Amino acid sequence: MKQIPIVEWADMLVAWLRDNAEWFFDPIKNFLDGIVTGLSDTLIAIPPLIFILIIVALTIFLTRKKWGLSVFALFGLLLIQNLGFWEQTMLTLSLILTSSSISILIGIPIGIWMSKDKTVQNLITPILDFMQTMPAFVYLIPAVSFFGIGMVPGIIASVIFAMPPVVRLTNLGIRQVSTELIEAANAFGSTPMQKLMKVQLPLAKNTIMAGVNQTIMLSLSMVVIASMIGADGLGVEVFRAVTRNEAGEGFASGLAIVILAMILDRITQALNKKSHA
């Protein structure tokens, strides 16, 4: 039986896009590079102690003066600075903020669109399944082919990997809104936009925020993988420790990633509770 030439087809498609779609990929690369460079330069320029105080103040505001998260953020960030990973942490944070923001800005409208049209949901759901089940390493190949080495392909791979949760949970949250409430909004003559903005999105907010939280965490999980294609940050330290078999350095840089992940996770959860109050 003759083998289906999937490998050849994929190579031909990537080569054709690389040769004929520079007009599309180059502006995206320049735009994302400008954003992540500007954000990382800004974060690095802020003195560490000032940044730590800002984060602690934010956690106090969001948690209504419950001190657990604030104390953890204070000592966690001070530990990162003490270990000498401050600049790498800011680079990682800029990559996470950029990729997760893009995922959220694209994912929520797609989720809303899916909730409004069953056909769209049936078409997009297999694509989301593909995005979530494809090994993350595979995304690095076309990302490097189209965008070169550096932070930008890491952002692109992170966006593809991290977007599905916010799309799925936005769709789920809106579909779970009670039909009685929708009928009541219709009875009062609400337009589709009014129903969406004043009924469906507010009631689906907790579910959507759970998707946002998962998207941020998945973006963070791509940090080490993205370091393999030139993305700066804590992932580089972990990757270097693995290649050199330096257990201590790997543990320390991994600990910094864990601290950052926990702070981001708790802040997004607290933000959801704050807006719900």
C-alpha atoms as a PDB file:
ATOM      1  CA  MET A   1       0.000   0.000   0.000  1.00  0.00           C
ATOM      2  CA  LYS A   2       1.405   3.367  -1.022  1.00  0.00           C
ATOM      3  CA  GLN A   3       2.198   5.722   1.845  1.00  0.00           C
ATOM      4  CA  ILE A   4       0.260   8.968   1.942  1.00  0.00           C
ATOM      5  CA  PRO A   5       2.877  11.755   1.466  1.00  0.00           C
ATOM      6  CA  ILE A   6       1.812  13.831   4.452  1.00  0.00           C
ATOM      7  CA  VAL A   7       5.428  14.725   5.270  1.00  0.00           C
ATOM      8  CA  GLU A   8       6.066  16.015   1.759  1.00  0.00           C
ATOM      9  CA  TRP A   9       2.795  17.959   1.719  1.00  0.00           C
ATOM     10  CA  ALA A  10       3.605  19.611   5.046  1.00  0.00           C
ATOM     11  CA  ASP A  11       7.129  20.514   3.902  1.00  0.00           C
ATOM     12  CA  MET A  12       5.788  21.960   0.656  1.00  0.00           C
ATOM     13  CA  LEU A  13       3.173  24.031   2.478  1.00  0.00           C
ATOM     14  CA  VAL A  14       5.669  25.458   4.975  1.00  0.00           C
ATOM     15  CA  ALA A  15       8.186  26.209   2.209  1.00  0.00           C
ATOM     16  CA  TRP A  16       5.535  27.912   0.081  1.00  0.00           C
ATOM     17  CA  LEU A  17       4.308  30.034   2.984  1.00  0.00           C
ATOM     18  CA  ARG A  18       7.853  30.967   3.950  1.00  0.00           C
ATOM     19  CA  ASP A  19       8.650  32.069   0.410  1.00  0.00           C
ATOM     20  CA  ASN A  20       5.366  33.761  -0.493  1.00  0.00           C
ATOM     21  CA  ALA A  21       3.842  35.079   2.730  1.00  0.00           C
ATOM     22  CA  GLU A  22       6.595  37.306   4.113  1.00  0.00           C
ATOM     23  CA  TRP A  23       4.231  40.259   3.664  1.00  0.00           C
ATOM     24  CA  PHE A  24       2.013  38.602   6.294  1.00  0.00           C
ATOM     25  CA  PHE A  25       4.541  37.203   8.767  1.00  0.00           C
ATOM     26  CA  ASP A  26       7.049  40.072   8.872  1.00  0.00           C
ATOM     27  CA  PRO A  27       4.589  42.719  10.207  1.00  0.00           C
ATOM     28  CA  ILE A  28       3.389  40.271  12.858  1.00  0.00           C
ATOM     29  CA  LYS A  29       6.978  39.556  13.885  1.00  0.00           C
ATOM     30  CA  ASN A  30       7.870  43.253  14.078  1.00  0.00           C
ATOM     31  CA  PHE A  31       4.690  44.078  16.000  1.00  0.00           C
ATOM     32  CA  LEU A  32       5.113  41.320  18.584  1.00  0.00           C
ATOM     33  CA  ASP A  33       8.832  41.976  18.911  1.00  0.00           C
ATOM     34  CA  GLY A  34       8.125  45.623  19.622  1.00  0.00           C
ATOM     35  CA  ILE A  35       5.521  44.792  22.247  1.00  0.00           C
ATOM     36  CA  VAL A  36       7.531  42.181  24.142  1.00  0.00           C
ATOM     37  CA  THR A  37      10.749  44.215  23.934  1.00  0.00           C
ATOM     38  CA  GLY A  38       9.053  47.363  25.192  1.00  0.00           C
ATOM     39  CA  LEU A  39       7.295  45.487  27.980  1.00  0.00           C
ATOM     40  CA  SER A  40      10.416  43.626  29.104  1.00  0.00           C
ATOM     41  CA  ASP A  41      12.528  46.818  29.019  1.00  0.00           C
ATOM     42  CA  THR A  42       9.900  48.594  31.117  1.00  0.00           C
ATOM     43  CA  LEU A  43       9.700  45.808  33.692  1.00  0.00           C
ATOM     44  CA  ILE A  44      13.482  45.538  33.957  1.00  0.00           C
ATOM     45  CA  ALA A  45      13.804  49.322  34.321  1.00  0.00           C
ATOM     46  CA  ILE A  46      11.569  49.302  37.421  1.00  0.00           C
ATOM     47  CA  PRO A  47      13.734  48.870  40.540  1.00  0.00           C
ATOM     48  CA  PRO A  48      13.072  45.426  42.021  1.00  0.00           C
ATOM     49  CA  LEU A  49      11.969  46.718  45.424  1.00  0.00           C
ATOM     50  CA  ILE A  50       9.533  49.158  43.827  1.00  0.00           C
ATOM     51  CA  PHE A  51       8.077  46.388  41.663  1.00  0.00           C
ATOM     52  CA  ILE A  52       7.752  44.106  44.697  1.00  0.00           C
ATOM     53  CA  LEU A  53       5.938  46.828  46.643  1.00  0.00           C
ATOM     54  CA  ILE A  54       3.565  47.378  43.715  1.00  0.00           C
ATOM     55  CA  ILE A  55       2.717  43.666  43.576  1.00  0.00           C
ATOM     56  CA  VAL A  56       2.241  43.489  47.343  1.00  0.00           C
ATOM     57  CA  ALA A  57      -0.030  46.548  47.271  1.00  0.00           C
ATOM     58  CA  LEU A  58      -2.026  44.986  44.426  1.00  0.00           C
ATOM     59  CA  THR A  59      -2.485  41.735  46.325  1.00  0.00           C
ATOM     60  CA  ILE A  60      -3.600  43.624  49.459  1.00  0.00           C
ATOM     61  CA  PHE A  61      -6.165  45.538  47.382  1.00  0.00           C
ATOM     62  CA  LEU A  62      -7.472  42.424  45.625  1.00  0.00           C
ATOM     63  CA  THR A  63      -7.653  40.193  48.704  1.00  0.00           C
ATOM     64  CA  ARG A  64      -9.273  42.808  50.950  1.00  0.00           C
ATOM     65  CA  LYS A  65      -6.335  42.922  53.319  1.00  0.00           C
ATOM     66  CA  LYS A  66      -6.085  39.164  53.766  1.00  0.00           C
ATOM     67  CA  TRP A  67      -2.353  38.945  54.197  1.00  0.00           C
ATOM     68  CA  GLY A  68      -1.519  35.408  53.076  1.00  0.00           C
ATOM     69  CA  LEU A  69      -1.007  36.160  49.378  1.00  0.00           C
ATOM     70  CA  SER A  70       0.717  39.466  50.114  1.00  0.00           C
ATOM     71  CA  VAL A  71       3.247  37.842  52.452  1.00  0.00           C
ATOM     72  CA  PHE A  72       3.901  35.055  49.944  1.00  0.00           C
ATOM     73  CA  ALA A  73       4.362  37.561  47.094  1.00  0.00           C
ATOM     74  CA  LEU A  74       6.734  39.653  49.207  1.00  0.00           C
ATOM     75  CA  PHE A  75       9.014  36.828  50.309  1.00  0.00           C
ATOM     76  CA  GLY A  76       8.705  34.947  47.011  1.00  0.00           C
ATOM     77  CA  LEU A  77       9.813  37.916  44.908  1.00  0.00           C
ATOM     78  CA  LEU A  78      12.550  38.794  47.385  1.00  0.00           C
ATOM     79  CA  LEU A  79      13.813  35.211  47.084  1.00  0.00           C
ATOM     80  CA  ILE A  80      13.841  35.480  43.280  1.00  0.00           C
ATOM     81  CA  GLN A  81      15.889  38.673  43.541  1.00  0.00           C
ATOM     82  CA  ASN A  82      18.245  37.076  46.061  1.00  0.00           C
ATOM     83  CA  LEU A  83      18.821  34.094  43.766  1.00  0.00           C
ATOM     84  CA  GLY A  84      19.856  36.439  40.967  1.00  0.00           C
ATOM     85  CA  PHE A  85      16.964  35.636  38.633  1.00  0.00           C
ATOM     86  CA  TRP A  86      15.247  39.028  38.651  1.00  0.00           C
ATOM     87  CA  GLU A  87      15.961  40.052  35.062  1.00  0.00           C
ATOM     88  CA  GLN A  88      15.127  36.575  33.756  1.00  0.00           C
ATOM     89  CA  THR A  89      11.859  36.668  35.717  1.00  0.00           C
ATOM     90  CA  MET A  90      10.892  39.992  34.146  1.00  0.00           C
ATOM     91  CA  LEU A  91      11.656  38.593  30.687  1.00  0.00           C
ATOM     92  CA  THR A  92       9.519  35.558  31.450  1.00  0.00           C
ATOM     93  CA  LEU A  93       6.725  37.759  32.791  1.00  0.00           C
ATOM     94  CA  SER A  94       6.769  39.877  29.628  1.00  0.00           C
ATOM     95  CA  LEU A  95       6.475  36.739  27.487  1.00  0.00           C
ATOM     96  CA  ILE A  96       3.593  35.439  29.609  1.00  0.00           C
ATOM     97  CA  LEU A  97       1.717  38.739  29.630  1.00  0.00           C
ATOM     98  CA  THR A  98       2.112  39.183  25.876  1.00  0.00           C
ATOM     99  CA  SER A  99       1.099  35.661  24.871  1.00  0.00           C
ATOM    100  CA  SER A 100      -1.764  35.349  27.360  1.00  0.00           C
ATOM    101  CA  SER A 101      -3.132  38.797  26.438  1.00  0.00           C
ATOM    102  CA  ILE A 102      -3.189  37.844  22.756  1.00  0.00           C
ATOM    103  CA  SER A 103      -4.824  34.507  23.599  1.00  0.00           C
ATOM    104  CA  ILE A 104      -7.514  36.230  25.665  1.00  0.00           C
ATOM    105  CA  LEU A 105      -8.176  39.012  23.148  1.00  0.00           C
ATOM    106  CA  ILE A 106      -8.621  36.472  20.352  1.00  0.00           C
ATOM    107  CA  GLY A 107     -10.106  33.632  22.394  1.00  0.00           C
ATOM    108  CA  ILE A 108     -13.008  35.380  24.136  1.00  0.00           C
ATOM    109  CA  PRO A 109     -14.591  36.715  20.882  1.00  0.00           C
ATOM    110  CA  ILE A 110     -14.211  33.258  19.315  1.00  0.00           C
ATOM    111  CA  GLY A 111     -15.869  31.702  22.369  1.00  0.00           C
ATOM    112  CA  ILE A 112     -18.742  34.207  22.118  1.00  0.00           C
ATOM    113  CA  TRP A 113     -19.118  33.412  18.416  1.00  0.00           C
ATOM    114  CA  MET A 114     -19.234  29.685  19.180  1.00  0.00           C
ATOM    115  CA  SER A 115     -21.918  30.211  21.813  1.00  0.00           C
ATOM    116  CA  LYS A 116     -24.134  31.991  19.288  1.00  0.00           C
ATOM    117  CA  ASP A 117     -23.881  29.490  16.444  1.00  0.00           C
ATOM    118  CA  LYS A 118     -23.967  25.699  16.747  1.00  0.00           C
ATOM    119  CA  THR A 119     -22.360  25.275  13.315  1.00  0.00           C
ATOM    120  CA  VAL A 120     -19.416  27.474  14.305  1.00  0.00           C
ATOM    121  CA  GLN A 121     -19.019  25.446  17.505  1.00  0.00           C
ATOM    122  CA  ASN A 122     -18.970  22.200  15.531  1.00  0.00           C
ATOM    123  CA  LEU A 123     -16.324  23.608  13.183  1.00  0.00           C
ATOM    124  CA  ILE A 124     -14.043  25.170  15.822  1.00  0.00           C
ATOM    125  CA  THR A 125     -14.190  22.402  18.452  1.00  0.00           C
ATOM    126  CA  PRO A 126     -12.037  19.948  16.406  1.00  0.00           C
ATOM    127  CA  ILE A 127      -9.516  22.739  15.808  1.00  0.00           C
ATOM    128  CA  LEU A 128      -9.312  23.342  19.571  1.00  0.00           C
ATOM    129  CA  ASP A 129      -8.890  19.593  20.118  1.00  0.00           C
ATOM    130  CA  PHE A 130      -6.012  19.630  17.634  1.00  0.00           C
ATOM    131  CA  MET A 131      -4.397  22.646  19.322  1.00  0.00           C
ATOM    132  CA  GLN A 132      -4.583  21.044  22.766  1.00  0.00           C
ATOM    133  CA  THR A 133      -3.490  17.516  21.860  1.00  0.00           C
ATOM    134  CA  MET A 134      -0.648  18.311  19.472  1.00  0.00           C
ATOM    135  CA  PRO A 135       2.662  18.110  21.409  1.00  0.00           C
ATOM    136  CA  ALA A 136       3.867  21.605  22.220  1.00  0.00           C
ATOM    137  CA  PHE A 137       7.286  20.910  20.666  1.00  0.00           C
ATOM    138  CA  VAL A 138       5.662  20.521  17.245  1.00  0.00           C
ATOM    139  CA  TYR A 139       4.496  24.157  17.308  1.00  0.00           C
ATOM    140  CA  LEU A 140       8.111  25.279  17.489  1.00  0.00           C
ATOM    141  CA  ILE A 141       8.928  24.024  13.976  1.00  0.00           C
ATOM    142  CA  PRO A 142       6.594  26.287  11.940  1.00  0.00           C
ATOM    143  CA  ALA A 143       7.071  29.101  14.464  1.00  0.00           C
ATOM    144  CA  VAL A 144      10.825  29.111  13.817  1.00  0.00           C
ATOM    145  CA  SER A 145      10.307  28.666  10.058  1.00  0.00           C
ATOM    146  CA  PHE A 146       8.050  31.730   9.808  1.00  0.00           C
ATOM    147  CA  PHE A 147       9.394  33.990  12.570  1.00  0.00           C
ATOM    148  CA  GLY A 148      13.016  32.987  13.137  1.00  0.00           C
ATOM    149  CA  ILE A 149      14.714  32.553  16.516  1.00  0.00           C
ATOM    150  CA  GLY A 150      13.839  34.596  19.603  1.00  0.00           C
ATOM    151  CA  MET A 151      10.896  35.683  21.711  1.00  0.00           C
ATOM    152  CA  VAL A 152       8.368  36.020  18.872  1.00  0.00           C
ATOM    153  CA  PRO A 153       8.165  32.317  17.906  1.00  0.00           C
ATOM    154  CA  GLY A 154       7.909  31.534  21.618  1.00  0.00           C
ATOM    155  CA  ILE A 155       4.930  33.904  21.852  1.00  0.00           C
ATOM    156  CA  ILE A 156       3.280  32.366  18.781  1.00  0.00           C
ATOM    157  CA  ALA A 157       3.721  28.820  20.107  1.00  0.00           C
ATOM    158  CA  SER A 158       2.408  29.903  23.526  1.00  0.00           C
ATOM    159  CA  VAL A 159      -0.663  31.547  21.985  1.00  0.00           C
ATOM    160  CA  ILE A 160      -1.555  28.415  20.028  1.00  0.00           C
ATOM    161  CA  PHE A 161      -1.002  26.182  23.053  1.00  0.00           C
ATOM    162  CA  ALA A 162      -2.734  28.424  25.619  1.00  0.00           C
ATOM    163  CA  MET A 163      -5.778  29.742  23.717  1.00  0.00           C
ATOM    164  CA  PRO A 164      -8.167  26.715  23.819  1.00  0.00           C
ATOM    165  CA  PRO A 165      -9.184  26.950  27.520  1.00  0.00           C
ATOM    166  CA  VAL A 166     -10.418  30.533  27.303  1.00  0.00           C
ATOM    167  CA  VAL A 167     -12.299  29.758  24.064  1.00  0.00           C
ATOM    168  CA  ARG A 168     -13.949  26.652  25.480  1.00  0.00           C
ATOM    169  CA  LEU A 169     -14.876  28.151  28.835  1.00  0.00           C
ATOM    170  CA  THR A 170     -16.222  31.362  27.294  1.00  0.00           C
ATOM    171  CA  ASN A 171     -18.464  29.263  25.070  1.00  0.00           C
ATOM    172  CA  LEU A 172     -19.474  27.044  28.006  1.00  0.00           C
ATOM    173  CA  GLY A 173     -20.156  29.946  30.367  1.00  0.00           C
ATOM    174  CA  ILE A 174     -22.452  31.755  27.943  1.00  0.00           C
ATOM    175  CA  ARG A 175     -24.311  28.580  27.001  1.00  0.00           C
ATOM    176  CA  GLN A 176     -24.928  27.839  30.686  1.00  0.00           C
ATOM    177  CA  VAL A 177     -26.802  31.105  31.247  1.00  0.00           C
ATOM    178  CA  SER A 178     -30.386  30.288  32.163  1.00  0.00           C
ATOM    179  CA  THR A 179     -32.828  30.323  29.250  1.00  0.00           C
ATOM    180  CA  GLU A 180     -35.390  31.949  31.543  1.00  0.00           C
ATOM    181  CA  LEU A 181     -33.112  34.960  31.948  1.00  0.00           C
ATOM    182  CA  ILE A 182     -32.586  35.155  28.196  1.00  0.00           C
ATOM    183  CA  GLU A 183     -36.338  34.999  27.630  1.00  0.00           C
ATOM    184  CA  ALA A 184     -36.845  37.755  30.227  1.00  0.00           C
ATOM    185  CA  ALA A 185     -34.269  39.928  28.440  1.00  0.00           C
ATOM    186  CA  ASN A 186     -36.072  39.272  25.150  1.00  0.00           C
ATOM    187  CA  ALA A 187     -39.386  40.217  26.758  1.00  0.00           C
ATOM    188  CA  PHE A 188     -37.941  43.598  27.748  1.00  0.00           C
ATOM    189  CA  GLY A 189     -36.841  44.181  24.156  1.00  0.00           C
ATOM    190  CA  SER A 190     -33.102  43.791  24.664  1.00  0.00           C
ATOM    191  CA  THR A 191     -30.927  43.774  21.575  1.00  0.00           C
ATOM    192  CA  PRO A 192     -28.454  40.881  21.071  1.00  0.00           C
ATOM    193  CA  MET A 193     -25.611  43.176  22.172  1.00  0.00           C
ATOM    194  CA  GLN A 194     -27.495  44.243  25.301  1.00  0.00           C
ATOM    195  CA  LYS A 195     -28.217  40.607  26.189  1.00  0.00           C
ATOM    196  CA  LEU A 196     -24.567  39.752  25.730  1.00  0.00           C
ATOM    197  CA  MET A 197     -23.118  42.662  27.679  1.00  0.00           C
ATOM    198  CA  LYS A 198     -25.698  42.951  30.469  1.00  0.00           C
ATOM    199  CA  VAL A 199     -26.891  39.371  30.966  1.00  0.00           C
ATOM    200  CA  GLN A 200     -24.705  36.671  29.438  1.00  0.00           C
ATOM    201  CA  LEU A 201     -21.160  37.942  30.027  1.00  0.00           C
ATOM    202  CA  PRO A 202     -21.777  39.058  33.652  1.00  0.00           C
ATOM    203  CA  LEU A 203     -23.345  35.690  34.520  1.00  0.00           C
ATOM    204  CA  ALA A 204     -20.643  33.766  32.667  1.00  0.00           C
ATOM    205  CA  LYS A 205     -17.822  35.823  34.182  1.00  0.00           C
ATOM    206  CA  ASN A 206     -16.657  33.217  36.699  1.00  0.00           C
ATOM    207  CA  THR A 207     -16.400  30.533  34.034  1.00  0.00           C
ATOM    208  CA  ILE A 208     -14.632  32.893  31.622  1.00  0.00           C
ATOM    209  CA  MET A 209     -12.156  33.931  34.330  1.00  0.00           C
ATOM    210  CA  ALA A 210     -11.399  30.264  34.986  1.00  0.00           C
ATOM    211  CA  GLY A 211     -10.478  30.029  31.305  1.00  0.00           C
ATOM    212  CA  VAL A 212      -8.320  33.151  31.584  1.00  0.00           C
ATOM    213  CA  ASN A 213      -6.530  31.627  34.571  1.00  0.00           C
ATOM    214  CA  GLN A 214      -5.862  28.400  32.699  1.00  0.00           C
ATOM    215  CA  THR A 215      -4.602  30.316  29.670  1.00  0.00           C
ATOM    216  CA  ILE A 216      -2.097  32.223  31.809  1.00  0.00           C
ATOM    217  CA  MET A 217      -0.890  29.004  33.429  1.00  0.00           C
ATOM    218  CA  LEU A 218      -0.487  27.286  30.059  1.00  0.00           C
ATOM    219  CA  SER A 219       1.456  30.284  28.747  1.00  0.00           C
ATOM    220  CA  LEU A 220       3.771  29.918  31.723  1.00  0.00           C
ATOM    221  CA  SER A 221       4.165  26.202  31.063  1.00  0.00           C
ATOM    222  CA  MET A 222       5.613  27.041  27.631  1.00  0.00           C
ATOM    223  CA  VAL A 223       8.472  29.061  29.137  1.00  0.00           C
ATOM    224  CA  VAL A 224      11.005  26.219  29.206  1.00  0.00           C
ATOM    225  CA  ILE A 225       9.964  24.887  25.792  1.00  0.00           C
ATOM    226  CA  ALA A 226      10.178  28.355  24.230  1.00  0.00           C
ATOM    227  CA  SER A 227      13.721  28.714  25.573  1.00  0.00           C
ATOM    228  CA  MET A 228      14.794  26.048  23.090  1.00  0.00           C
ATOM    229  CA  ILE A 229      14.127  28.451  20.223  1.00  0.00           C
ATOM    230  CA  GLY A 230      15.783  31.495  21.742  1.00  0.00           C
ATOM    231  CA  ALA A 231      13.120  32.920  24.062  1.00  0.00           C
ATOM    232  CA  ASP A 232      14.867  34.596  26.999  1.00  0.00           C
ATOM    233  CA  GLY A 233      13.886  34.208  30.625  1.00  0.00           C
ATOM    234  CA  LEU A 234      13.807  31.602  33.352  1.00  0.00           C
ATOM    235  CA  GLY A 235      13.337  28.820  30.824  1.00  0.00           C
ATOM    236  CA  VAL A 236      16.870  29.425  29.567  1.00  0.00           C
ATOM    237  CA  GLU A 237      18.216  28.824  33.065  1.00  0.00           C
ATOM    238  CA  VAL A 238      16.278  25.567  33.397  1.00  0.00           C
ATOM    239  CA  PHE A 239      17.310  24.397  29.931  1.00  0.00           C
ATOM    240  CA  ARG A 240      20.961  25.242  30.613  1.00  0.00           C
ATOM    241  CA  ALA A 241      20.841  23.374  33.926  1.00  0.00           C
ATOM    242  CA  VAL A 242      19.382  20.299  32.222  1.00  0.00           C
ATOM    243  CA  THR A 243      21.998  20.253  29.456  1.00  0.00           C
ATOM    244  CA  ARG A 244      24.815  20.683  31.992  1.00  0.00           C
ATOM    245  CA  ASN A 245      23.303  18.320  34.583  1.00  0.00           C
ATOM    246  CA  GLU A 246      23.351  21.058  37.227  1.00  0.00           C
ATOM    247  CA  ALA A 247      20.691  19.917  39.692  1.00  0.00           C
ATOM    248  CA  GLY A 248      21.040  22.855  42.070  1.00  0.00           C
ATOM    249  CA  GLU A 249      20.787  25.503  39.366  1.00  0.00           C
ATOM    250  CA  GLY A 250      17.819  23.690  37.848  1.00  0.00           C
ATOM    251  CA  PHE A 251      16.044  23.529  41.208  1.00  0.00           C
ATOM    252  CA  ALA A 252      16.633  27.218  41.924  1.00  0.00           C
ATOM    253  CA  SER A 253      15.403  28.406  38.503  1.00  0.00           C
ATOM    254  CA  GLY A 254      12.475  25.979  38.656  1.00  0.00           C
ATOM    255  CA  LEU A 255      11.589  27.370  42.087  1.00  0.00           C
ATOM    256  CA  ALA A 256      11.512  30.879  40.617  1.00  0.00           C
ATOM    257  CA  ILE A 257       9.070  29.674  37.936  1.00  0.00           C
ATOM    258  CA  VAL A 258       6.866  28.052  40.592  1.00  0.00           C
ATOM    259  CA  ILE A 259       6.801  31.253  42.667  1.00  0.00           C
ATOM    260  CA  LEU A 260       5.864  33.324  39.617  1.00  0.00           C
ATOM    261  CA  ALA A 261       3.180  30.814  38.627  1.00  0.00           C
ATOM    262  CA  MET A 262       1.616  30.810  42.092  1.00  0.00           C
ATOM    263  CA  ILE A 263       1.564  34.602  42.283  1.00  0.00           C
ATOM    264  CA  LEU A 264      -0.064  34.941  38.848  1.00  0.00           C
ATOM    265  CA  ASP A 265      -2.567  32.189  39.659  1.00  0.00           C
ATOM    266  CA  ARG A 266      -3.614  33.735  42.970  1.00  0.00           C
ATOM    267  CA  ILE A 267      -3.813  37.250  41.532  1.00  0.00           C
ATOM    268  CA  THR A 268      -6.143  36.157  38.716  1.00  0.00           C
ATOM    269  CA  GLN A 269      -8.319  34.259  41.191  1.00  0.00           C
ATOM    270  CA  ALA A 270      -8.411  37.277  43.520  1.00  0.00           C
ATOM    271  CA  LEU A 271      -9.229  39.544  40.591  1.00  0.00           C
ATOM    272  CA  ASN A 272     -12.221  37.372  39.767  1.00  0.00           C
ATOM    273  CA  LYS A 273     -13.471  37.473  43.346  1.00  0.00           C
ATOM    274  CA  LYS A 274     -12.930  41.240  43.522  1.00  0.00           C
ATOM    275  CA  SER A 275     -14.973  41.900  40.388  1.00  0.00           C
ATOM    276  CA  HIS A 276     -17.659  39.476  41.610  1.00  0.00           C
ATOM    277  CA  ALA A 277     -18.088  41.358  44.863  1.00  0.00           C
END
